[in-house]
Amino acid sequence: MKTPVIVSLALAASFVSLSASAEFAKSEDAIKYRQSALTVMGTHFARLGAMANGKLPYDAAQAARDAEVVALVSHLPWAGFAPGTDKGRESAARPEIWQEQAKFKDRADKMQTAVAERLLPAARSGNLDQLKAAFGPTAQSCKACHDDFRRR
């Protein structure tokens, strides 16, 4: 039953991101879109990290909801990295994103896989130890992209 839900979420996210990329009137719109998606994803991911690290009380239901948001939103920001969006609105994106598109896509794919295959099932398990075990490797997949492609 979980697999159809994950597939449905992934399909919905891909349709949203495809339609969003076609709707950007200006590069600033695409930048704002990707920044917003990354902010939402980061907020929910940070809550999971705070629970995994004992900085917030563990709430199994909230952890599952946060992981579901991260899984859905993890598919959205990439449409906002369209050609021509490397300039304009203040951004933490490094030029290497547009120079090394294959590597950038690989990093995004690895993060989405870590979220879908590790973080989401662990959060849904209702088991804090499983969340702790999944959080670190998933966070590393995020960090790998940040190290190569994000300023600050």
N, C-alpha and C. Protein backbone atom coordinates (compact mmCIF):
# COMPACT_ATOMS: atom_id res chain seq x y z
N MET A 1 0.82 -1.19 0.00
CA MET A 1 0.00 0.00 0.00
C MET A 1 0.87 1.26 0.00
N LYS A 2 2.05 1.20 0.62
CA LYS A 2 2.92 2.37 0.68
C LYS A 2 3.49 2.72 -0.69
N THR A 3 3.82 1.72 -1.49
CA THR A 3 4.40 1.97 -2.80
C THR A 3 3.47 2.79 -3.69
N PRO A 4 2.17 2.47 -3.77
CA PRO A 4 1.29 3.29 -4.61
C PRO A 4 1.22 4.75 -4.13
N VAL A 5 1.27 4.95 -2.83
CA VAL A 5 1.24 6.31 -2.29
C VAL A 5 2.49 7.07 -2.71
N ILE A 6 3.64 6.44 -2.59
CA ILE A 6 4.91 7.08 -2.97
C ILE A 6 4.91 7.37 -4.46
N VAL A 7 4.48 6.42 -5.25
CA VAL A 7 4.43 6.63 -6.71
C VAL A 7 3.48 7.76 -7.04
N SER A 8 2.33 7.80 -6.39
CA SER A 8 1.36 8.87 -6.63
C SER A 8 1.95 10.23 -6.28
N LEU A 9 2.62 10.30 -5.13
CA LEU A 9 3.25 11.57 -4.73
C LEU A 9 4.33 11.99 -5.73
N ALA A 10 5.14 11.05 -6.15
CA ALA A 10 6.20 11.37 -7.11
C ALA A 10 5.62 11.84 -8.44
N LEU A 11 4.58 11.17 -8.91
CA LEU A 11 3.95 11.58 -10.17
C LEU A 11 3.33 12.97 -10.04
N ALA A 12 2.65 13.21 -8.93
CA ALA A 12 2.04 14.53 -8.72
C ALA A 12 3.12 15.61 -8.70
N ALA A 13 4.21 15.32 -8.01
CA ALA A 13 5.30 16.30 -7.94
C ALA A 13 5.91 16.55 -9.30
N SER A 14 6.07 15.50 -10.09
CA SER A 14 6.67 15.69 -11.42
C SER A 14 5.75 16.50 -12.32
N PHE A 15 4.44 16.28 -12.24
CA PHE A 15 3.51 17.06 -13.04
C PHE A 15 3.52 18.52 -12.61
N VAL A 16 3.57 18.75 -11.30
CA VAL A 16 3.62 20.13 -10.80
C VAL A 16 4.89 20.81 -11.27
N SER A 17 6.03 20.12 -11.16
CA SER A 17 7.28 20.75 -11.55
C SER A 17 7.35 20.97 -13.06
N LEU A 18 6.79 20.06 -13.85
CA LEU A 18 6.79 20.25 -15.31
C LEU A 18 5.93 21.45 -15.70
N SER A 19 4.75 21.55 -15.12
CA SER A 19 3.89 22.68 -15.46
C SER A 19 4.46 23.97 -14.93
N ALA A 20 5.14 23.92 -13.79
CA ALA A 20 5.72 25.14 -13.23
C ALA A 20 6.83 25.67 -14.13
N SER A 21 7.66 24.78 -14.67
CA SER A 21 8.76 25.25 -15.51
C SER A 21 8.25 25.93 -16.77
N ALA A 22 7.11 25.49 -17.26
CA ALA A 22 6.55 26.10 -18.47
C ALA A 22 5.88 27.44 -18.16
N GLU A 23 5.60 27.71 -16.91
CA GLU A 23 4.86 28.90 -16.55
C GLU A 23 5.74 30.06 -16.08
N PHE A 24 7.04 29.90 -16.00
CA PHE A 24 7.89 30.98 -15.51
C PHE A 24 7.99 32.07 -16.56
N ALA A 25 7.44 33.23 -16.24
CA ALA A 25 7.47 34.35 -17.17
C ALA A 25 8.85 35.02 -17.17
N LYS A 26 9.50 35.01 -16.01
CA LYS A 26 10.81 35.64 -15.87
C LYS A 26 11.73 34.73 -15.08
N SER A 27 13.02 34.91 -15.25
CA SER A 27 13.97 34.09 -14.50
C SER A 27 13.79 34.30 -13.00
N GLU A 28 13.41 35.50 -12.58
CA GLU A 28 13.19 35.77 -11.16
C GLU A 28 12.08 34.89 -10.59
N ASP A 29 11.07 34.60 -11.43
CA ASP A 29 9.98 33.73 -10.99
C ASP A 29 10.50 32.31 -10.72
N ALA A 30 11.35 31.82 -11.61
CA ALA A 30 11.92 30.48 -11.45
C ALA A 30 12.80 30.43 -10.20
N ILE A 31 13.58 31.47 -9.98
CA ILE A 31 14.46 31.51 -8.82
C ILE A 31 13.63 31.52 -7.54
N LYS A 32 12.60 32.35 -7.51
CA LYS A 32 11.72 32.42 -6.34
C LYS A 32 11.05 31.06 -6.10
N TYR A 33 10.62 30.41 -7.16
CA TYR A 33 9.99 29.09 -7.05
C TYR A 33 10.94 28.08 -6.42
N ARG A 34 12.15 27.99 -6.95
CA ARG A 34 13.09 26.99 -6.42
C ARG A 34 13.48 27.32 -4.99
N GLN A 35 13.68 28.61 -4.68
CA GLN A 35 14.03 28.98 -3.32
C GLN A 35 12.89 28.64 -2.36
N SER A 36 11.67 28.88 -2.77
CA SER A 36 10.52 28.56 -1.93
C SER A 36 10.43 27.06 -1.67
N ALA A 37 10.58 26.27 -2.71
CA ALA A 37 10.52 24.81 -2.56
C ALA A 37 11.63 24.32 -1.64
N LEU A 38 12.84 24.85 -1.82
CA LEU A 38 13.96 24.43 -0.98
C LEU A 38 13.75 24.86 0.47
N THR A 39 13.13 26.01 0.68
CA THR A 39 12.84 26.47 2.04
C THR A 39 11.84 25.54 2.72
N VAL A 40 10.78 25.19 2.02
CA VAL A 40 9.78 24.27 2.59
C VAL A 40 10.43 22.93 2.91
N MET A 41 11.19 22.41 1.96
CA MET A 41 11.85 21.12 2.17
C MET A 41 12.80 21.21 3.36
N GLY A 42 13.58 22.26 3.44
CA GLY A 42 14.54 22.43 4.52
C GLY A 42 13.88 22.56 5.89
N THR A 43 12.76 23.24 5.94
CA THR A 43 12.04 23.40 7.21
C THR A 43 11.58 22.04 7.75
N HIS A 44 10.99 21.24 6.90
CA HIS A 44 10.49 19.93 7.34
C HIS A 44 11.65 18.96 7.61
N PHE A 45 12.70 19.06 6.83
CA PHE A 45 13.87 18.21 7.05
C PHE A 45 14.54 18.57 8.37
N ALA A 46 14.61 19.87 8.68
CA ALA A 46 15.23 20.32 9.93
C ALA A 46 14.45 19.80 11.14
N ARG A 47 13.13 19.76 11.04
CA ARG A 47 12.33 19.21 12.16
C ARG A 47 12.66 17.74 12.38
N LEU A 48 12.81 17.01 11.28
CA LEU A 48 13.18 15.59 11.41
C LEU A 48 14.55 15.46 12.06
N GLY A 49 15.47 16.32 11.66
CA GLY A 49 16.81 16.30 12.24
C GLY A 49 16.78 16.64 13.72
N ALA A 50 15.96 17.60 14.09
CA ALA A 50 15.86 17.98 15.50
C ALA A 50 15.31 16.82 16.33
N MET A 51 14.36 16.09 15.77
CA MET A 51 13.83 14.90 16.49
C MET A 51 14.90 13.82 16.56
N ALA A 52 15.58 13.59 15.45
CA ALA A 52 16.60 12.53 15.41
C ALA A 52 17.76 12.84 16.35
N ASN A 53 18.04 14.11 16.55
CA ASN A 53 19.16 14.52 17.40
C ASN A 53 18.74 14.89 18.82
N GLY A 54 17.47 14.66 19.17
CA GLY A 54 17.01 14.91 20.53
C GLY A 54 16.79 16.36 20.88
N LYS A 55 16.75 17.24 19.89
CA LYS A 55 16.53 18.67 20.16
C LYS A 55 15.05 19.02 20.20
N LEU A 56 14.22 18.14 19.65
CA LEU A 56 12.77 18.24 19.73
C LEU A 56 12.27 16.89 20.23
N PRO A 57 11.20 16.90 21.00
CA PRO A 57 10.64 15.61 21.42
C PRO A 57 10.18 14.82 20.19
N TYR A 58 10.42 13.53 20.23
CA TYR A 58 10.03 12.68 19.11
C TYR A 58 8.51 12.55 19.06
N ASP A 59 7.96 12.82 17.90
CA ASP A 59 6.52 12.68 17.64
C ASP A 59 6.41 11.88 16.35
N ALA A 60 6.05 10.62 16.48
CA ALA A 60 6.03 9.73 15.33
C ALA A 60 5.11 10.22 14.22
N ALA A 61 3.95 10.71 14.59
CA ALA A 61 3.00 11.19 13.57
C ALA A 61 3.55 12.41 12.85
N GLN A 62 4.15 13.33 13.59
CA GLN A 62 4.72 14.53 12.98
C GLN A 62 5.92 14.17 12.10
N ALA A 63 6.72 13.22 12.55
CA ALA A 63 7.88 12.79 11.76
C ALA A 63 7.41 12.22 10.42
N ALA A 64 6.37 11.42 10.45
CA ALA A 64 5.84 10.85 9.20
C ALA A 64 5.33 11.95 8.28
N ARG A 65 4.60 12.93 8.85
CA ARG A 65 4.10 14.04 8.02
C ARG A 65 5.25 14.85 7.43
N ASP A 66 6.25 15.14 8.25
CA ASP A 66 7.40 15.92 7.76
C ASP A 66 8.13 15.17 6.65
N ALA A 67 8.32 13.88 6.82
CA ALA A 67 9.01 13.10 5.78
C ALA A 67 8.20 13.04 4.50
N GLU A 68 6.89 12.97 4.62
CA GLU A 68 6.04 12.97 3.42
C GLU A 68 6.15 14.30 2.67
N VAL A 69 6.22 15.40 3.40
CA VAL A 69 6.40 16.71 2.75
C VAL A 69 7.76 16.75 2.05
N VAL A 70 8.79 16.31 2.75
CA VAL A 70 10.14 16.30 2.15
C VAL A 70 10.15 15.45 0.88
N ALA A 71 9.52 14.28 0.95
CA ALA A 71 9.49 13.39 -0.23
C ALA A 71 8.78 14.05 -1.40
N LEU A 72 7.68 14.69 -1.15
CA LEU A 72 6.93 15.35 -2.23
C LEU A 72 7.71 16.55 -2.77
N VAL A 73 8.15 17.41 -1.89
CA VAL A 73 8.80 18.66 -2.31
C VAL A 73 10.19 18.42 -2.90
N SER A 74 10.80 17.29 -2.60
CA SER A 74 12.13 17.00 -3.13
C SER A 74 12.15 16.93 -4.66
N HIS A 75 10.99 16.82 -5.27
CA HIS A 75 10.89 16.76 -6.73
C HIS A 75 10.66 18.13 -7.36
N LEU A 76 10.38 19.14 -6.57
CA LEU A 76 9.95 20.42 -7.12
C LEU A 76 11.03 21.43 -7.49
N PRO A 77 12.07 21.63 -6.71
CA PRO A 77 12.95 22.78 -6.98
C PRO A 77 13.67 22.75 -8.32
N TRP A 78 13.87 21.58 -8.86
CA TRP A 78 14.76 21.43 -10.02
C TRP A 78 14.25 22.15 -11.26
N ALA A 79 12.95 22.30 -11.42
CA ALA A 79 12.39 23.04 -12.54
C ALA A 79 12.81 24.51 -12.49
N GLY A 80 13.10 24.99 -11.30
CA GLY A 80 13.50 26.38 -11.13
C GLY A 80 14.97 26.65 -11.45
N PHE A 81 15.70 25.63 -11.84
CA PHE A 81 17.10 25.80 -12.23
C PHE A 81 17.22 25.78 -13.76
N ALA A 82 16.28 26.38 -14.42
CA ALA A 82 16.24 26.40 -15.88
C ALA A 82 17.36 27.28 -16.44
N PRO A 83 17.69 27.10 -17.70
CA PRO A 83 18.69 27.97 -18.34
C PRO A 83 18.27 29.44 -18.20
N GLY A 84 19.24 30.27 -17.91
CA GLY A 84 18.97 31.70 -17.76
C GLY A 84 18.62 32.11 -16.33
N THR A 85 18.53 31.14 -15.43
CA THR A 85 18.21 31.48 -14.05
C THR A 85 19.45 31.55 -13.17
N ASP A 86 20.60 31.61 -13.82
CA ASP A 86 21.85 31.73 -13.07
C ASP A 86 22.17 33.17 -12.71
N LYS A 87 21.37 34.09 -13.18
CA LYS A 87 21.57 35.50 -12.89
C LYS A 87 20.23 36.10 -12.48
N GLY A 88 20.30 37.17 -11.76
CA GLY A 88 19.07 37.84 -11.35
C GLY A 88 18.98 37.90 -9.85
N ARG A 89 17.84 37.59 -9.33
CA ARG A 89 17.54 37.62 -7.90
C ARG A 89 18.69 37.00 -7.10
N GLU A 90 18.92 37.54 -5.92
CA GLU A 90 19.97 37.00 -5.06
C GLU A 90 19.74 35.51 -4.84
N SER A 91 20.81 34.75 -5.02
CA SER A 91 20.70 33.30 -4.97
C SER A 91 21.98 32.70 -4.41
N ALA A 92 21.83 31.58 -3.73
CA ALA A 92 22.99 30.85 -3.22
C ALA A 92 23.50 29.84 -4.25
N ALA A 93 22.86 29.78 -5.40
CA ALA A 93 23.26 28.83 -6.44
C ALA A 93 24.59 29.23 -7.06
N ARG A 94 25.48 28.26 -7.19
CA ARG A 94 26.78 28.50 -7.81
C ARG A 94 26.70 28.27 -9.31
N PRO A 95 27.56 28.92 -10.08
CA PRO A 95 27.55 28.75 -11.54
C PRO A 95 27.77 27.30 -11.99
N GLU A 96 28.40 26.51 -11.14
CA GLU A 96 28.67 25.12 -11.49
C GLU A 96 27.39 24.33 -11.77
N ILE A 97 26.25 24.78 -11.25
CA ILE A 97 24.97 24.10 -11.52
C ILE A 97 24.74 24.04 -13.02
N TRP A 98 24.97 25.15 -13.71
CA TRP A 98 24.70 25.22 -15.14
C TRP A 98 25.87 24.69 -15.97
N GLN A 99 27.05 24.62 -15.36
CA GLN A 99 28.23 24.11 -16.06
C GLN A 99 28.35 22.60 -15.93
N GLU A 100 27.79 22.05 -14.87
CA GLU A 100 27.90 20.62 -14.59
C GLU A 100 26.51 20.03 -14.35
N GLN A 101 25.64 20.18 -15.34
CA GLN A 101 24.25 19.76 -15.22
C GLN A 101 24.10 18.27 -14.87
N ALA A 102 24.89 17.41 -15.46
CA ALA A 102 24.78 15.97 -15.20
C ALA A 102 25.11 15.67 -13.73
N LYS A 103 26.14 16.28 -13.23
CA LYS A 103 26.52 16.08 -11.83
C LYS A 103 25.45 16.64 -10.90
N PHE A 104 24.91 17.80 -11.24
CA PHE A 104 23.86 18.42 -10.43
C PHE A 104 22.62 17.51 -10.40
N LYS A 105 22.23 17.00 -11.55
CA LYS A 105 21.07 16.11 -11.62
C LYS A 105 21.34 14.83 -10.83
N ASP A 106 22.54 14.31 -10.92
CA ASP A 106 22.90 13.11 -10.17
C ASP A 106 22.75 13.35 -8.67
N ARG A 107 23.20 14.50 -8.19
CA ARG A 107 23.07 14.83 -6.76
C ARG A 107 21.60 14.91 -6.36
N ALA A 108 20.79 15.56 -7.19
CA ALA A 108 19.35 15.67 -6.91
C ALA A 108 18.71 14.29 -6.87
N ASP A 109 19.05 13.45 -7.84
CA ASP A 109 18.49 12.10 -7.90
C ASP A 109 18.87 11.28 -6.67
N LYS A 110 20.12 11.40 -6.24
CA LYS A 110 20.58 10.66 -5.05
C LYS A 110 19.85 11.12 -3.80
N MET A 111 19.61 12.43 -3.69
CA MET A 111 18.87 12.94 -2.54
C MET A 111 17.44 12.41 -2.55
N GLN A 112 16.79 12.47 -3.71
CA GLN A 112 15.41 11.98 -3.82
C GLN A 112 15.33 10.50 -3.49
N THR A 113 16.30 9.74 -3.93
CA THR A 113 16.34 8.31 -3.63
C THR A 113 16.52 8.07 -2.14
N ALA A 114 17.43 8.80 -1.51
CA ALA A 114 17.65 8.65 -0.07
C ALA A 114 16.39 8.99 0.71
N VAL A 115 15.71 10.04 0.29
CA VAL A 115 14.46 10.42 0.97
C VAL A 115 13.42 9.33 0.79
N ALA A 116 13.21 8.87 -0.44
CA ALA A 116 12.15 7.90 -0.72
C ALA A 116 12.44 6.51 -0.15
N GLU A 117 13.70 6.09 -0.20
CA GLU A 117 14.02 4.72 0.19
C GLU A 117 14.48 4.57 1.63
N ARG A 118 14.94 5.66 2.23
CA ARG A 118 15.45 5.55 3.60
C ARG A 118 14.63 6.39 4.58
N LEU A 119 14.59 7.69 4.33
CA LEU A 119 13.99 8.60 5.30
C LEU A 119 12.49 8.38 5.46
N LEU A 120 11.77 8.33 4.36
CA LEU A 120 10.32 8.19 4.42
C LEU A 120 9.90 6.88 5.11
N PRO A 121 10.43 5.73 4.71
CA PRO A 121 10.04 4.50 5.41
C PRO A 121 10.42 4.52 6.90
N ALA A 122 11.57 5.10 7.21
CA ALA A 122 11.99 5.16 8.62
C ALA A 122 11.04 6.05 9.43
N ALA A 123 10.67 7.19 8.86
CA ALA A 123 9.76 8.08 9.57
C ALA A 123 8.38 7.45 9.73
N ARG A 124 7.94 6.74 8.73
CA ARG A 124 6.63 6.09 8.80
C ARG A 124 6.62 4.89 9.75
N SER A 125 7.79 4.38 10.08
CA SER A 125 7.87 3.20 10.95
C SER A 125 7.42 3.50 12.37
N GLY A 126 7.50 4.76 12.76
CA GLY A 126 7.16 5.11 14.14
C GLY A 126 8.26 4.76 15.12
N ASN A 127 9.44 4.47 14.60
CA ASN A 127 10.55 4.04 15.44
C ASN A 127 11.67 5.09 15.37
N LEU A 128 11.96 5.71 16.50
CA LEU A 128 12.97 6.77 16.55
C LEU A 128 14.34 6.26 16.12
N ASP A 129 14.71 5.06 16.52
CA ASP A 129 16.02 4.52 16.14
C ASP A 129 16.14 4.38 14.62
N GLN A 130 15.06 3.99 13.96
CA GLN A 130 15.09 3.89 12.50
C GLN A 130 15.23 5.28 11.87
N LEU A 131 14.54 6.27 12.45
CA LEU A 131 14.66 7.65 11.95
C LEU A 131 16.09 8.14 12.11
N LYS A 132 16.67 7.89 13.27
CA LYS A 132 18.07 8.30 13.50
C LYS A 132 19.01 7.67 12.49
N ALA A 133 18.82 6.39 12.22
CA ALA A 133 19.68 5.67 11.29
C ALA A 133 19.54 6.18 9.85
N ALA A 134 18.35 6.61 9.49
CA ALA A 134 18.10 7.08 8.12
C ALA A 134 18.44 8.55 7.94
N PHE A 135 18.35 9.33 9.00
CA PHE A 135 18.54 10.77 8.87
C PHE A 135 19.96 11.13 8.42
N GLY A 136 20.97 10.55 9.04
CA GLY A 136 22.36 10.89 8.72
C GLY A 136 22.72 10.69 7.26
N PRO A 137 22.47 9.50 6.70
CA PRO A 137 22.79 9.29 5.29
C PRO A 137 21.97 10.19 4.35
N THR A 138 20.73 10.47 4.73
CA THR A 138 19.92 11.36 3.90
C THR A 138 20.48 12.77 3.96
N ALA A 139 20.86 13.21 5.15
CA ALA A 139 21.46 14.54 5.31
C ALA A 139 22.76 14.63 4.50
N GLN A 140 23.51 13.55 4.44
CA GLN A 140 24.75 13.55 3.66
C GLN A 140 24.46 13.74 2.17
N SER A 141 23.35 13.19 1.70
CA SER A 141 23.00 13.37 0.28
C SER A 141 22.66 14.83 0.00
N CYS A 142 22.06 15.50 0.96
CA CYS A 142 21.79 16.94 0.80
C CYS A 142 23.11 17.72 0.83
N LYS A 143 23.95 17.38 1.79
CA LYS A 143 25.22 18.08 1.96
C LYS A 143 26.11 17.94 0.73
N ALA A 144 26.09 16.78 0.09
CA ALA A 144 26.93 16.57 -1.10
C ALA A 144 26.59 17.59 -2.18
N CYS A 145 25.32 17.86 -2.36
CA CYS A 145 24.91 18.85 -3.36
C CYS A 145 25.29 20.26 -2.89
N HIS A 146 25.03 20.55 -1.63
CA HIS A 146 25.38 21.87 -1.10
C HIS A 146 26.88 22.13 -1.22
N ASP A 147 27.68 21.13 -0.92
CA ASP A 147 29.14 21.31 -0.99
C ASP A 147 29.60 21.70 -2.39
N ASP A 148 28.99 21.11 -3.41
CA ASP A 148 29.41 21.38 -4.78
C ASP A 148 28.69 22.54 -5.46
N PHE A 149 27.46 22.80 -5.04
CA PHE A 149 26.63 23.72 -5.84
C PHE A 149 25.99 24.88 -5.09
N ARG A 150 26.30 25.05 -3.80
CA ARG A 150 25.66 26.12 -3.04
C ARG A 150 26.70 27.04 -2.41
N ARG A 151 26.47 28.34 -2.54
CA ARG A 151 27.30 29.32 -1.85
C ARG A 151 26.88 29.36 -0.40
N ARG A 152 27.76 29.82 0.44
CA ARG A 152 27.52 30.02 1.89
C ARG A 152 27.68 28.77 2.65
